[in-house]
Amino acid sequence: MAQTKVSAPAPDQGRSTSSSSIVPVLTILLGALSILLLFAAVFLGWQYLALNKEVGIKEKAVVAAKAERDSLALEIKNIEDELRRQKDFHNVEVDDYMGQIESLKVRLNSNPGGGGNSSSLKREIKLLKEELETKNNQLAEWLKKEQDWNQAMEKLKQQLLDKETENRQLAADTAKLGEQVKTAAVLQISSIQCKAVSVNKKGKEKDQAKAVKVNRLECCFTVFRNQLAGKGSKEAYLVIKNPAGDVLSGATRETFESASGLQNYSASAGFDFNGGNQNLCIPFDTEKDLKPGKYLMQVYIDKNKTAESLIQLK
């Protein structure tokens, strides 16, 4: 009888069967893991984008807050500069406002991130600007009034200067005219004739050239008509100076007031001036013998010397 041999199964076949069953499981696990990784990547990407967006929003908020703070700081500085300008140029009292400015600056620096404090600062800055704008408008109005007043004053000053110049010119013209009238009002004489005579006991005159025989010196003249001169009683004075320059006079030395001061005179004659031509003679009777030489004979009327003549005695 033939012997039947039973052979044992080969080891490789058992392992092959086991490996074949594990591969699908691994494939499934790897697929699931890939899906999980994909979901994780998507989730992380979404989280990253959300976080990045939030960071961007916060960065923008920080930038906006800084810009707002800088804007508020600039407004405060502009207000402060305007207050200093008004104080320097217009002598405006700004101490109270400067105190408010310092308070705003402290509050702004104490909260650099902005927030609710910035809204309060904005309101206060706005109110302060409105108040200052009102003050500026009032100041501008007062400055305009002051400018108009100054212009009016300058105009009045110029008018006053013009009037003073006009008055000075008028006064000068008046003074000049007054001098002209005064000069024109001075009585003038003409046809003056002075002579030396000897008068005898009967009163008869005779022209005489010898000094020792002369006992009278006389000047005759015509007073010109003059409507500007004052009318009424006048006095004419005869001043006779001998060769030595001394004024001849009688026993009593007489004086009158001339334009140059007190003046000794030899003889005088009164007359009533009526504005027309008048003839007049002024004699001087000598009490002492005369000496030879030249005798100067001058006629004064109204303090003014009107004429003179020179005679020669031998």
Protein backbone atom coordinates (compact mmCIF):
# COMPACT_ATOMS: atom_id res chain seq x y z
CA MET A 1 0.00 0.00 0.00
CA ALA A 2 1.35 3.15 -1.01
CA GLN A 3 2.08 5.64 1.84
CA THR A 4 0.47 8.93 1.59
CA LYS A 5 2.70 11.92 2.68
CA VAL A 6 1.19 14.93 4.26
CA SER A 7 3.32 18.06 3.76
CA ALA A 8 3.20 21.13 6.20
CA PRO A 9 2.10 24.49 4.84
CA ALA A 10 4.87 26.85 3.80
CA PRO A 11 5.54 29.79 6.14
CA ASP A 12 5.56 32.45 3.36
CA GLN A 13 2.04 31.74 2.44
CA GLY A 14 0.77 32.59 5.98
CA ARG A 15 2.58 35.95 6.00
CA SER A 16 1.28 36.81 2.57
CA THR A 17 -2.26 36.31 3.70
CA SER A 18 -1.71 38.49 6.79
CA SER A 19 -0.06 41.32 4.80
CA SER A 20 -2.86 41.38 2.33
CA SER A 21 -5.34 42.08 5.09
CA ILE A 22 -3.30 44.92 6.68
CA VAL A 23 -2.78 47.03 3.52
CA PRO A 24 -6.38 48.13 3.11
CA VAL A 25 -6.53 49.18 6.74
CA LEU A 26 -3.39 51.24 6.42
CA THR A 27 -4.70 52.79 3.26
CA ILE A 28 -7.87 53.76 5.02
CA LEU A 29 -5.95 55.13 7.98
CA LEU A 30 -3.63 57.11 5.78
CA GLY A 31 -6.57 58.53 3.84
CA ALA A 32 -8.32 59.48 7.05
CA LEU A 33 -5.13 61.03 8.36
CA SER A 34 -4.71 62.97 5.12
CA ILE A 35 -8.26 64.22 5.42
CA LEU A 36 -7.63 65.22 9.04
CA LEU A 37 -4.43 66.93 8.07
CA LEU A 38 -6.25 68.70 5.26
CA PHE A 39 -8.96 69.87 7.62
CA ALA A 40 -6.34 70.92 10.11
CA ALA A 41 -4.47 72.84 7.42
CA VAL A 42 -7.68 74.51 6.29
CA PHE A 43 -8.61 75.35 9.88
CA LEU A 44 -5.18 76.68 10.66
CA GLY A 45 -5.18 78.69 7.44
CA TRP A 46 -8.56 80.14 8.32
CA GLN A 47 -7.34 80.92 11.85
CA TYR A 48 -4.24 82.54 10.41
CA LEU A 49 -6.25 84.69 8.04
CA ALA A 50 -8.66 85.68 10.81
CA LEU A 51 -5.80 86.49 13.15
CA ASN A 52 -3.98 88.40 10.44
CA LYS A 53 -7.16 90.33 9.69
CA GLU A 54 -7.60 91.14 13.37
CA VAL A 55 -3.98 92.26 13.59
CA GLY A 56 -4.51 94.47 10.53
CA ILE A 57 -7.62 95.97 12.07
CA LYS A 58 -5.78 96.65 15.32
CA GLU A 59 -2.83 98.14 13.42
CA LYS A 60 -5.21 100.40 11.52
CA ALA A 61 -6.88 101.32 14.79
CA VAL A 62 -3.48 102.16 16.29
CA VAL A 63 -2.53 104.22 13.23
CA ALA A 64 -5.91 105.96 13.29
CA ALA A 65 -5.57 106.63 17.01
CA LYS A 66 -2.07 108.05 16.51
CA ALA A 67 -3.27 110.18 13.59
CA GLU A 68 -6.17 111.43 15.69
CA ARG A 69 -3.82 112.19 18.59
CA ASP A 70 -1.41 114.00 16.27
CA SER A 71 -4.33 115.96 14.82
CA LEU A 72 -5.52 116.94 18.30
CA ALA A 73 -1.96 117.87 19.29
CA LEU A 74 -1.66 120.03 16.15
CA GLU A 75 -4.96 121.77 16.89
CA ILE A 76 -3.84 122.45 20.45
CA LYS A 77 -0.51 123.81 19.18
CA ASN A 78 -2.26 126.03 16.62
CA ILE A 79 -4.50 127.43 19.34
CA GLU A 80 -1.48 127.99 21.59
CA ASP A 81 0.44 129.75 18.79
CA GLU A 82 -2.55 131.97 18.05
CA LEU A 83 -2.84 132.90 21.72
CA ARG A 84 0.85 133.78 21.90
CA ARG A 85 0.54 135.87 18.73
CA GLN A 86 -2.38 137.80 20.17
CA LYS A 87 -0.48 138.36 23.40
CA ASP A 88 2.66 139.55 21.59
CA PHE A 89 1.02 141.77 18.97
CA HIS A 90 -2.22 142.92 20.60
CA ASN A 91 -1.34 142.69 24.31
CA VAL A 92 -4.34 140.43 24.94
CA GLU A 93 -4.65 138.71 28.34
CA VAL A 94 -4.43 134.96 27.59
CA ASP A 95 -3.29 133.41 30.89
CA ASP A 96 -6.63 131.66 31.51
CA TYR A 97 -6.63 130.19 28.02
CA MET A 98 -3.02 129.08 28.34
CA GLY A 99 -3.99 127.21 31.51
CA GLN A 100 -6.67 125.35 29.56
CA ILE A 101 -4.14 124.55 26.84
CA GLU A 102 -1.71 123.04 29.35
CA SER A 103 -4.52 120.93 30.84
CA LEU A 104 -5.46 119.63 27.38
CA LYS A 105 -1.84 118.78 26.61
CA VAL A 106 -1.46 116.82 29.87
CA ARG A 107 -4.64 114.84 29.21
CA LEU A 108 -3.62 114.13 25.63
CA ASN A 109 -0.17 112.87 26.66
CA SER A 110 -1.63 110.75 29.47
CA ASN A 111 -3.73 108.70 27.02
CA PRO A 112 -1.68 108.12 23.85
CA GLY A 113 -4.02 105.32 22.70
CA GLY A 114 -6.99 107.62 22.32
CA GLY A 115 -10.28 105.98 23.28
CA GLY A 116 -13.15 107.73 24.96
CA ASN A 117 -10.83 110.48 26.24
CA SER A 118 -10.25 111.71 22.68
CA SER A 119 -13.95 112.45 22.22
CA SER A 120 -13.94 114.58 25.35
CA LEU A 121 -10.78 116.34 24.18
CA LYS A 122 -12.35 116.97 20.78
CA ARG A 123 -15.38 118.58 22.38
CA GLU A 124 -13.27 120.78 24.64
CA ILE A 125 -10.96 121.77 21.79
CA LYS A 126 -13.97 122.58 19.62
CA LEU A 127 -15.52 124.72 22.36
CA LEU A 128 -12.20 126.46 22.97
CA LYS A 129 -11.75 127.14 19.25
CA GLU A 130 -15.29 128.52 18.99
CA GLU A 131 -14.69 130.77 22.00
CA LEU A 132 -11.39 131.98 20.59
CA GLU A 133 -12.98 132.54 17.19
CA THR A 134 -15.59 134.73 18.86
CA LYS A 135 -12.82 136.60 20.69
CA ASN A 136 -10.87 136.95 17.44
CA ASN A 137 -13.91 138.36 15.67
CA GLN A 138 -14.40 140.85 18.49
CA LEU A 139 -10.70 141.70 18.41
CA ALA A 140 -10.78 142.12 14.62
CA GLU A 141 -13.78 144.41 14.99
CA TRP A 142 -12.00 146.48 17.63
CA LEU A 143 -8.83 146.58 15.55
CA LYS A 144 -10.85 147.76 12.56
CA LYS A 145 -12.44 150.47 14.69
CA GLU A 146 -9.01 151.42 16.04
CA GLN A 147 -7.61 151.53 12.50
CA ASP A 148 -10.51 153.70 11.34
CA TRP A 149 -10.04 155.92 14.39
CA ASN A 150 -6.29 156.20 13.76
CA GLN A 151 -6.92 157.06 10.12
CA ALA A 152 -9.46 159.68 11.17
CA MET A 153 -6.98 161.06 13.71
CA GLU A 154 -4.21 161.17 11.10
CA LYS A 155 -6.56 162.97 8.75
CA LEU A 156 -7.47 165.46 11.48
CA LYS A 157 -3.79 165.91 12.35
CA GLN A 158 -2.99 166.59 8.72
CA GLN A 159 -5.89 169.02 8.47
CA LEU A 160 -4.66 170.67 11.66
CA LEU A 161 -1.12 170.90 10.29
CA ASP A 162 -2.46 172.33 7.04
CA LYS A 163 -4.56 174.81 9.00
CA GLU A 164 -1.58 175.74 11.19
CA THR A 165 0.54 176.23 8.08
CA GLU A 166 -2.24 178.30 6.57
CA ASN A 167 -2.58 180.30 9.78
CA ARG A 168 1.18 180.88 9.96
CA GLN A 169 1.17 182.04 6.38
CA LEU A 170 -1.85 184.21 7.08
CA ALA A 171 -0.17 185.61 10.19
CA ALA A 172 3.00 186.29 8.20
CA ASP A 173 0.98 187.95 5.45
CA THR A 174 -0.96 189.92 8.05
CA ALA A 175 2.23 190.99 9.79
CA LYS A 176 3.77 191.93 6.47
CA LEU A 177 0.66 193.83 5.51
CA GLY A 178 0.63 195.42 8.96
CA GLU A 179 4.21 196.55 8.48
CA GLN A 180 3.32 197.86 5.07
CA VAL A 181 0.32 199.67 6.49
CA LYS A 182 2.41 200.90 9.38
CA THR A 183 5.08 202.10 6.99
CA ALA A 184 2.48 203.64 4.75
CA ALA A 185 0.84 205.29 7.75
CA VAL A 186 4.04 207.06 8.76
CA LEU A 187 3.85 210.73 7.94
CA GLN A 188 6.38 211.82 5.35
CA ILE A 189 7.63 215.29 4.58
CA SER A 190 9.09 216.91 1.51
CA SER A 191 10.51 220.19 0.36
CA ILE A 192 12.45 220.53 3.58
CA GLN A 193 14.37 223.77 3.73
CA CYS A 194 16.64 224.46 6.68
CA LYS A 195 18.44 227.74 7.12
CA ALA A 196 20.32 229.94 9.53
CA VAL A 197 19.03 233.49 10.03
CA SER A 198 19.62 236.55 12.14
CA VAL A 199 16.56 238.18 13.63
CA ASN A 200 16.70 241.88 14.55
CA LYS A 201 14.83 243.53 17.35
CA LYS A 202 11.89 244.23 15.09
CA GLY A 203 11.59 240.51 14.32
CA LYS A 204 12.79 240.77 10.78
CA GLU A 205 14.71 237.72 9.55
CA LYS A 206 17.76 237.73 7.35
CA ASP A 207 19.61 234.74 5.98
CA GLN A 208 22.96 234.49 7.64
CA ALA A 209 25.97 232.28 6.97
CA LYS A 210 28.27 233.65 9.67
CA ALA A 211 28.03 231.61 12.80
CA VAL A 212 28.58 234.48 15.20
CA LYS A 213 25.65 236.44 13.76
CA VAL A 214 23.16 233.56 13.67
CA ASN A 215 20.58 233.62 16.45
CA ARG A 216 17.94 231.33 14.89
CA LEU A 217 17.99 228.00 13.04
CA GLU A 218 14.82 227.00 11.27
CA CYS A 219 13.42 224.15 9.14
CA CYS A 220 10.31 224.48 6.99
CA PHE A 221 8.69 221.55 5.18
CA THR A 222 5.48 220.07 3.81
CA VAL A 223 3.77 217.18 5.56
CA PHE A 224 2.44 214.84 2.84
CA ARG A 225 -1.20 213.91 2.71
CA ASN A 226 -1.81 210.43 4.09
CA GLN A 227 -5.24 208.83 4.54
CA LEU A 228 -3.78 205.86 6.42
CA ALA A 229 -2.16 207.95 9.13
CA GLY A 230 -4.15 208.72 12.21
CA LYS A 231 -5.75 212.13 12.16
CA GLY A 232 -5.64 214.60 15.00
CA SER A 233 -3.08 216.38 17.09
CA LYS A 234 0.55 215.70 16.11
CA GLU A 235 3.92 216.92 17.28
CA ALA A 236 6.98 217.54 15.09
CA TYR A 237 10.43 217.67 16.71
CA LEU A 238 13.53 219.41 15.39
CA VAL A 239 16.88 217.93 16.41
CA ILE A 240 19.90 220.13 15.66
CA LYS A 241 23.39 218.72 16.11
CA ASN A 242 26.43 221.02 16.15
CA PRO A 243 29.74 220.12 14.47
CA ALA A 244 30.73 218.20 17.63
CA GLY A 245 27.55 216.06 17.41
CA ASP A 246 25.89 217.59 20.46
CA VAL A 247 22.19 218.41 20.33
CA LEU A 248 21.48 222.12 20.71
CA SER A 249 18.85 222.90 23.31
CA GLY A 250 17.46 225.70 25.37
CA ALA A 251 17.96 226.32 29.04
CA THR A 252 16.06 223.12 29.80
CA ARG A 253 17.04 219.94 28.00
CA GLU A 254 13.92 218.31 26.56
CA THR A 255 13.47 214.74 25.31
CA PHE A 256 10.88 212.76 23.36
CA GLU A 257 10.45 209.05 22.68
CA SER A 258 11.66 208.09 19.24
CA ALA A 259 11.65 204.69 17.57
CA SER A 260 15.22 204.15 18.82
CA GLY A 261 14.59 205.40 22.38
CA LEU A 262 14.64 208.71 24.22
CA GLN A 263 15.98 211.51 22.06
CA ASN A 264 17.01 215.07 22.99
CA TYR A 265 15.47 217.70 20.79
CA SER A 266 16.04 221.38 20.11
CA ALA A 267 12.51 222.61 19.33
CA SER A 268 9.04 221.28 18.53
CA ALA A 269 5.83 222.41 16.86
CA GLY A 270 2.35 221.01 17.25
CA PHE A 271 -0.12 220.74 14.38
CA ASP A 272 -3.54 219.25 13.71
CA PHE A 273 -3.27 216.67 10.94
CA ASN A 274 -6.39 216.23 8.81
CA GLY A 275 -5.02 213.85 6.17
CA GLY A 276 -4.05 216.50 3.60
CA ASN A 277 -0.82 218.36 2.79
CA GLN A 278 0.26 220.76 5.48
CA ASN A 279 3.11 223.27 5.59
CA LEU A 280 5.01 223.64 8.83
CA CYS A 281 8.04 225.51 10.17
CA ILE A 282 9.99 224.78 13.37
CA PRO A 283 12.30 227.59 14.56
CA PHE A 284 15.01 227.28 17.22
CA ASP A 285 16.36 230.47 18.81
CA THR A 286 19.93 230.03 19.95
CA GLU A 287 20.94 231.30 23.35
CA LYS A 288 24.65 230.91 22.77
CA ASP A 289 26.94 231.88 19.96
CA LEU A 290 27.33 229.19 17.35
CA LYS A 291 30.62 227.93 16.07
CA PRO A 292 31.52 227.56 12.42
CA GLY A 293 30.99 224.14 10.87
CA LYS A 294 28.29 221.77 9.68
CA TYR A 295 24.98 221.55 11.50
CA LEU A 296 22.76 218.50 11.03
CA MET A 297 19.05 219.30 11.27
CA GLN A 298 16.60 216.37 11.63
CA VAL A 299 12.80 216.34 11.73
CA TYR A 300 10.86 213.65 13.70
CA ILE A 301 7.11 213.03 13.55
CA ASP A 302 5.33 210.17 15.41
CA LYS A 303 8.66 208.88 16.78
CA ASN A 304 10.08 208.48 13.27
CA LYS A 305 12.80 210.50 11.60
CA THR A 306 11.17 211.80 8.44
CA ALA A 307 13.88 214.02 6.92
CA GLU A 308 17.18 215.76 7.58
CA SER A 309 19.24 218.55 6.11
CA LEU A 310 22.78 219.86 6.53
CA ILE A 311 23.78 223.52 6.66
CA GLN A 312 27.26 225.06 6.73
CA LEU A 313 28.17 228.05 8.88
CA LYS A 314 31.32 230.06 8.49
